Amino acid sequence: PAIAVLSVTLSESMLSSVLFPFLPWLVRDLGVPADSVALYSGLLSSAFNVSSLAGAVVWGRLSDVHGRLPVLALGLGSNAVSMVLLGLSASFPQAVAARLVAECLNGN
């Protein structure tokens, strides 16, 4: 169980910060005007943390009912799905939706 918790913690911290090195270029490639890239970069990066407000309570309740390990495994799988969704985003709203889904589906 300790290795499972460690892998989930590592996965979630990577998921929240992997975007930062290339975020301005991603936002620009999604069609945002050059003078608004900083604002939209902040919105995209904060979407992950904002959605944790909704997801954490639900995932905590599921963990109480079904056990910690199944919920952690489901959270790891949802991390992978949300990163694929982010990579396939063709517009800024799709990228924000992928980031919102990332934390709503993983409240670990």
N, C-alpha and C. Protein backbone atom coordinates (compact mmCIF):
# COMPACT_ATOMS: atom_id res chain seq x y z
N PRO A 1 0.80 -1.21 0.00
CA PRO A 1 0.00 0.00 0.00
C PRO A 1 0.84 1.27 0.00
N ALA A 2 2.00 1.24 0.63
CA ALA A 2 2.82 2.45 0.68
C ALA A 2 3.33 2.82 -0.70
N ILE A 3 3.67 1.83 -1.50
CA ILE A 3 4.15 2.11 -2.86
C ILE A 3 3.02 2.65 -3.71
N ALA A 4 1.81 2.16 -3.51
CA ALA A 4 0.66 2.68 -4.26
C ALA A 4 0.42 4.15 -3.92
N VAL A 5 0.48 4.48 -2.67
CA VAL A 5 0.28 5.87 -2.25
C VAL A 5 1.40 6.75 -2.80
N LEU A 6 2.63 6.25 -2.76
CA LEU A 6 3.76 7.01 -3.29
C LEU A 6 3.63 7.25 -4.79
N SER A 7 3.20 6.22 -5.52
CA SER A 7 3.05 6.38 -6.98
C SER A 7 1.94 7.34 -7.32
N VAL A 8 0.87 7.34 -6.57
CA VAL A 8 -0.23 8.28 -6.80
C VAL A 8 0.22 9.70 -6.49
N THR A 9 0.94 9.89 -5.42
CA THR A 9 1.43 11.22 -5.06
C THR A 9 2.38 11.75 -6.13
N LEU A 10 3.27 10.91 -6.61
CA LEU A 10 4.19 11.31 -7.66
C LEU A 10 3.45 11.62 -8.95
N SER A 11 2.49 10.78 -9.29
CA SER A 11 1.72 10.97 -10.51
C SER A 11 0.93 12.27 -10.48
N GLU A 12 0.29 12.55 -9.37
CA GLU A 12 -0.52 13.76 -9.29
C GLU A 12 0.34 15.02 -9.28
N SER A 13 1.49 14.97 -8.63
CA SER A 13 2.35 16.15 -8.65
C SER A 13 2.92 16.40 -10.04
N MET A 14 3.22 15.34 -10.76
CA MET A 14 3.68 15.50 -12.14
C MET A 14 2.56 16.02 -13.03
N LEU A 15 1.35 15.53 -12.82
CA LEU A 15 0.21 15.96 -13.62
C LEU A 15 -0.07 17.45 -13.43
N SER A 16 0.12 17.93 -12.22
CA SER A 16 -0.17 19.34 -11.97
C SER A 16 0.93 20.26 -12.49
N SER A 17 2.16 19.76 -12.62
CA SER A 17 3.26 20.66 -12.98
C SER A 17 3.90 20.37 -14.34
N VAL A 18 3.54 19.30 -15.01
CA VAL A 18 4.18 18.95 -16.27
C VAL A 18 3.91 19.99 -17.35
N LEU A 19 2.86 20.72 -17.20
CA LEU A 19 2.44 21.69 -18.19
C LEU A 19 3.27 22.98 -18.19
N PHE A 20 3.86 23.33 -17.07
CA PHE A 20 4.49 24.64 -16.92
C PHE A 20 5.62 24.96 -17.89
N PRO A 21 6.52 24.04 -18.23
CA PRO A 21 7.61 24.42 -19.13
C PRO A 21 7.16 24.85 -20.53
N PHE A 22 6.06 24.30 -21.02
CA PHE A 22 5.64 24.63 -22.39
C PHE A 22 4.25 25.27 -22.45
N LEU A 23 3.74 25.71 -21.33
CA LEU A 23 2.39 26.26 -21.28
C LEU A 23 2.17 27.47 -22.20
N PRO A 24 3.04 28.47 -22.24
CA PRO A 24 2.78 29.60 -23.14
C PRO A 24 2.72 29.20 -24.61
N TRP A 25 3.58 28.27 -25.01
CA TRP A 25 3.57 27.83 -26.40
C TRP A 25 2.33 27.01 -26.72
N LEU A 26 1.89 26.20 -25.76
CA LEU A 26 0.67 25.43 -25.95
C LEU A 26 -0.53 26.36 -26.12
N VAL A 27 -0.63 27.35 -25.26
CA VAL A 27 -1.75 28.30 -25.33
C VAL A 27 -1.72 29.07 -26.65
N ARG A 28 -0.55 29.48 -27.08
CA ARG A 28 -0.44 30.19 -28.36
C ARG A 28 -0.83 29.28 -29.52
N ASP A 29 -0.43 28.02 -29.48
CA ASP A 29 -0.78 27.07 -30.54
C ASP A 29 -2.26 26.73 -30.55
N LEU A 30 -2.95 26.96 -29.45
CA LEU A 30 -4.39 26.71 -29.39
C LEU A 30 -5.20 27.87 -29.94
N GLY A 31 -4.53 28.89 -30.46
CA GLY A 31 -5.22 29.98 -31.13
C GLY A 31 -5.48 31.22 -30.30
N VAL A 32 -4.86 31.33 -29.15
CA VAL A 32 -5.03 32.50 -28.31
C VAL A 32 -4.17 33.63 -28.87
N PRO A 33 -4.70 34.85 -28.95
CA PRO A 33 -3.90 35.98 -29.44
C PRO A 33 -2.67 36.22 -28.57
N ALA A 34 -1.61 36.72 -29.18
CA ALA A 34 -0.32 36.88 -28.49
C ALA A 34 -0.41 37.79 -27.27
N ASP A 35 -1.27 38.81 -27.30
CA ASP A 35 -1.35 39.72 -26.16
C ASP A 35 -2.14 39.13 -24.99
N SER A 36 -2.78 37.98 -25.17
CA SER A 36 -3.57 37.36 -24.10
C SER A 36 -2.98 36.03 -23.63
N VAL A 37 -1.81 35.67 -24.10
CA VAL A 37 -1.23 34.37 -23.76
C VAL A 37 -1.00 34.24 -22.25
N ALA A 38 -0.53 35.28 -21.60
CA ALA A 38 -0.26 35.20 -20.15
C ALA A 38 -1.54 34.95 -19.36
N LEU A 39 -2.60 35.66 -19.69
CA LEU A 39 -3.88 35.48 -18.99
C LEU A 39 -4.41 34.06 -19.20
N TYR A 40 -4.41 33.61 -20.42
CA TYR A 40 -4.96 32.29 -20.72
C TYR A 40 -4.08 31.17 -20.17
N SER A 41 -2.78 31.41 -20.08
CA SER A 41 -1.89 30.43 -19.45
C SER A 41 -2.23 30.28 -17.97
N GLY A 42 -2.49 31.39 -17.31
CA GLY A 42 -2.89 31.34 -15.91
C GLY A 42 -4.22 30.64 -15.72
N LEU A 43 -5.16 30.88 -16.62
CA LEU A 43 -6.45 30.21 -16.52
C LEU A 43 -6.32 28.70 -16.70
N LEU A 44 -5.50 28.30 -17.68
CA LEU A 44 -5.33 26.87 -17.94
C LEU A 44 -4.61 26.18 -16.80
N SER A 45 -3.61 26.81 -16.24
CA SER A 45 -2.88 26.17 -15.15
C SER A 45 -3.70 26.14 -13.86
N SER A 46 -4.54 27.11 -13.64
CA SER A 46 -5.33 27.12 -12.40
C SER A 46 -6.58 26.25 -12.49
N ALA A 47 -6.98 25.85 -13.68
CA ALA A 47 -8.17 25.01 -13.82
C ALA A 47 -8.01 23.70 -13.07
N PHE A 48 -6.82 23.15 -13.05
CA PHE A 48 -6.56 21.88 -12.36
C PHE A 48 -6.83 22.01 -10.87
N ASN A 49 -6.32 23.07 -10.25
CA ASN A 49 -6.48 23.24 -8.81
C ASN A 49 -7.89 23.65 -8.42
N VAL A 50 -8.54 24.42 -9.26
CA VAL A 50 -9.92 24.83 -8.97
C VAL A 50 -10.86 23.63 -8.96
N SER A 51 -10.65 22.72 -9.90
CA SER A 51 -11.55 21.57 -9.98
C SER A 51 -11.33 20.59 -8.83
N SER A 52 -10.22 20.70 -8.13
CA SER A 52 -10.01 19.82 -6.98
C SER A 52 -10.98 20.13 -5.85
N LEU A 53 -11.53 21.33 -5.83
CA LEU A 53 -12.52 21.67 -4.81
C LEU A 53 -13.74 20.77 -4.91
N ALA A 54 -14.15 20.47 -6.12
CA ALA A 54 -15.32 19.61 -6.31
C ALA A 54 -14.95 18.14 -6.19
N GLY A 55 -13.80 17.76 -6.71
CA GLY A 55 -13.45 16.35 -6.77
C GLY A 55 -13.00 15.73 -5.47
N ALA A 56 -12.37 16.49 -4.60
CA ALA A 56 -11.78 15.92 -3.39
C ALA A 56 -12.82 15.31 -2.45
N VAL A 57 -13.94 15.97 -2.30
CA VAL A 57 -14.97 15.46 -1.38
C VAL A 57 -15.57 14.17 -1.91
N VAL A 58 -15.85 14.15 -3.20
CA VAL A 58 -16.45 12.96 -3.81
C VAL A 58 -15.49 11.77 -3.72
N TRP A 59 -14.22 12.00 -4.05
CA TRP A 59 -13.25 10.92 -4.00
C TRP A 59 -12.99 10.46 -2.57
N GLY A 60 -13.03 11.36 -1.62
CA GLY A 60 -12.88 10.97 -0.22
C GLY A 60 -14.02 10.08 0.23
N ARG A 61 -15.22 10.41 -0.18
CA ARG A 61 -16.39 9.59 0.16
C ARG A 61 -16.29 8.21 -0.49
N LEU A 62 -15.88 8.18 -1.77
CA LEU A 62 -15.72 6.89 -2.47
C LEU A 62 -14.64 6.04 -1.81
N SER A 63 -13.58 6.67 -1.35
CA SER A 63 -12.52 5.95 -0.67
C SER A 63 -13.00 5.36 0.65
N ASP A 64 -13.85 6.08 1.34
CA ASP A 64 -14.42 5.56 2.59
C ASP A 64 -15.31 4.35 2.34
N VAL A 65 -16.05 4.38 1.25
CA VAL A 65 -17.01 3.31 0.96
C VAL A 65 -16.34 2.09 0.33
N HIS A 66 -15.49 2.31 -0.66
CA HIS A 66 -14.94 1.20 -1.46
C HIS A 66 -13.51 0.82 -1.10
N GLY A 67 -12.85 1.58 -0.28
CA GLY A 67 -11.47 1.29 0.08
C GLY A 67 -10.50 2.19 -0.67
N ARG A 68 -9.32 2.31 -0.11
CA ARG A 68 -8.35 3.24 -0.66
C ARG A 68 -7.71 2.77 -1.95
N LEU A 69 -7.31 1.50 -2.03
CA LEU A 69 -6.56 1.04 -3.20
C LEU A 69 -7.37 1.05 -4.49
N PRO A 70 -8.63 0.62 -4.52
CA PRO A 70 -9.38 0.72 -5.78
C PRO A 70 -9.55 2.17 -6.25
N VAL A 71 -9.74 3.07 -5.32
CA VAL A 71 -9.91 4.48 -5.68
C VAL A 71 -8.59 5.06 -6.18
N LEU A 72 -7.49 4.68 -5.57
CA LEU A 72 -6.18 5.13 -6.05
C LEU A 72 -5.89 4.60 -7.45
N ALA A 73 -6.22 3.34 -7.70
CA ALA A 73 -5.99 2.76 -9.03
C ALA A 73 -6.84 3.46 -10.08
N LEU A 74 -8.08 3.75 -9.75
CA LEU A 74 -8.94 4.48 -10.68
C LEU A 74 -8.42 5.89 -10.92
N GLY A 75 -7.88 6.52 -9.89
CA GLY A 75 -7.30 7.84 -10.05
C GLY A 75 -6.09 7.85 -10.96
N LEU A 76 -5.25 6.81 -10.84
CA LEU A 76 -4.09 6.72 -11.73
C LEU A 76 -4.51 6.55 -13.18
N GLY A 77 -5.52 5.73 -13.41
CA GLY A 77 -6.03 5.55 -14.77
C GLY A 77 -6.61 6.83 -15.34
N SER A 78 -7.31 7.56 -14.50
CA SER A 78 -7.89 8.81 -14.97
C SER A 78 -6.82 9.86 -15.26
N ASN A 79 -5.68 9.79 -14.55
CA ASN A 79 -4.56 10.68 -14.87
C ASN A 79 -4.10 10.47 -16.30
N ALA A 80 -3.97 9.22 -16.69
CA ALA A 80 -3.51 8.91 -18.05
C ALA A 80 -4.52 9.39 -19.08
N VAL A 81 -5.79 9.16 -18.83
CA VAL A 81 -6.83 9.58 -19.77
C VAL A 81 -6.86 11.10 -19.91
N SER A 82 -6.75 11.81 -18.81
CA SER A 82 -6.82 13.27 -18.88
C SER A 82 -5.62 13.87 -19.59
N MET A 83 -4.44 13.26 -19.44
CA MET A 83 -3.28 13.78 -20.17
C MET A 83 -3.41 13.53 -21.67
N VAL A 84 -3.99 12.40 -22.05
CA VAL A 84 -4.24 12.14 -23.48
C VAL A 84 -5.25 13.16 -24.01
N LEU A 85 -6.29 13.44 -23.24
CA LEU A 85 -7.28 14.44 -23.66
C LEU A 85 -6.63 15.82 -23.83
N LEU A 86 -5.73 16.17 -22.94
CA LEU A 86 -5.04 17.44 -23.05
C LEU A 86 -4.17 17.47 -24.31
N GLY A 87 -3.49 16.38 -24.57
CA GLY A 87 -2.65 16.31 -25.75
C GLY A 87 -3.42 16.38 -27.05
N LEU A 88 -4.66 15.91 -27.05
CA LEU A 88 -5.48 15.92 -28.24
C LEU A 88 -6.34 17.17 -28.38
N SER A 89 -6.23 18.09 -27.44
CA SER A 89 -7.03 19.31 -27.48
C SER A 89 -6.68 20.14 -28.70
N ALA A 90 -7.72 20.59 -29.40
CA ALA A 90 -7.53 21.43 -30.59
C ALA A 90 -7.91 22.88 -30.35
N SER A 91 -8.48 23.18 -29.19
CA SER A 91 -8.87 24.55 -28.88
C SER A 91 -8.64 24.79 -27.39
N PHE A 92 -8.65 26.07 -27.01
CA PHE A 92 -8.44 26.41 -25.61
C PHE A 92 -9.55 25.87 -24.70
N PRO A 93 -10.82 25.96 -25.07
CA PRO A 93 -11.85 25.38 -24.20
C PRO A 93 -11.70 23.86 -24.01
N GLN A 94 -11.24 23.16 -25.02
CA GLN A 94 -11.00 21.73 -24.87
C GLN A 94 -9.86 21.47 -23.89
N ALA A 95 -8.83 22.29 -23.95
CA ALA A 95 -7.70 22.13 -23.03
C ALA A 95 -8.13 22.41 -21.59
N VAL A 96 -8.94 23.44 -21.40
CA VAL A 96 -9.45 23.73 -20.04
C VAL A 96 -10.33 22.59 -19.55
N ALA A 97 -11.17 22.06 -20.42
CA ALA A 97 -12.03 20.93 -20.03
C ALA A 97 -11.18 19.72 -19.65
N ALA A 98 -10.11 19.48 -20.37
CA ALA A 98 -9.22 18.35 -20.05
C ALA A 98 -8.57 18.55 -18.69
N ARG A 99 -8.15 19.78 -18.39
CA ARG A 99 -7.55 20.05 -17.07
C ARG A 99 -8.58 19.95 -15.95
N LEU A 100 -9.81 20.38 -16.21
CA LEU A 100 -10.86 20.24 -15.20
C LEU A 100 -11.17 18.77 -14.95
N VAL A 101 -11.23 17.99 -16.02
CA VAL A 101 -11.50 16.56 -15.89
C VAL A 101 -10.35 15.88 -15.14
N ALA A 102 -9.13 16.35 -15.35
CA ALA A 102 -7.96 15.73 -14.73
C ALA A 102 -8.11 15.68 -13.21
N GLU A 103 -8.50 16.75 -12.60
CA GLU A 103 -8.59 16.75 -11.14
C GLU A 103 -9.94 16.26 -10.64
N CYS A 104 -11.00 16.49 -11.40
CA CYS A 104 -12.30 15.96 -10.96
C CYS A 104 -12.31 14.44 -10.95
N LEU A 105 -11.56 13.83 -11.85
CA LEU A 105 -11.49 12.37 -11.89
C LEU A 105 -10.38 11.81 -11.02
N ASN A 106 -9.65 12.69 -10.34
CA ASN A 106 -8.56 12.23 -9.52
C ASN A 106 -8.41 13.14 -8.31
N GLY A 107 -9.16 12.90 -7.29
CA GLY A 107 -9.09 13.73 -6.10
C GLY A 107 -8.16 13.16 -5.05
N ASN A 108 -7.14 12.44 -5.48
CA ASN A 108 -6.22 11.82 -4.53
C ASN A 108 -5.40 12.88 -3.88
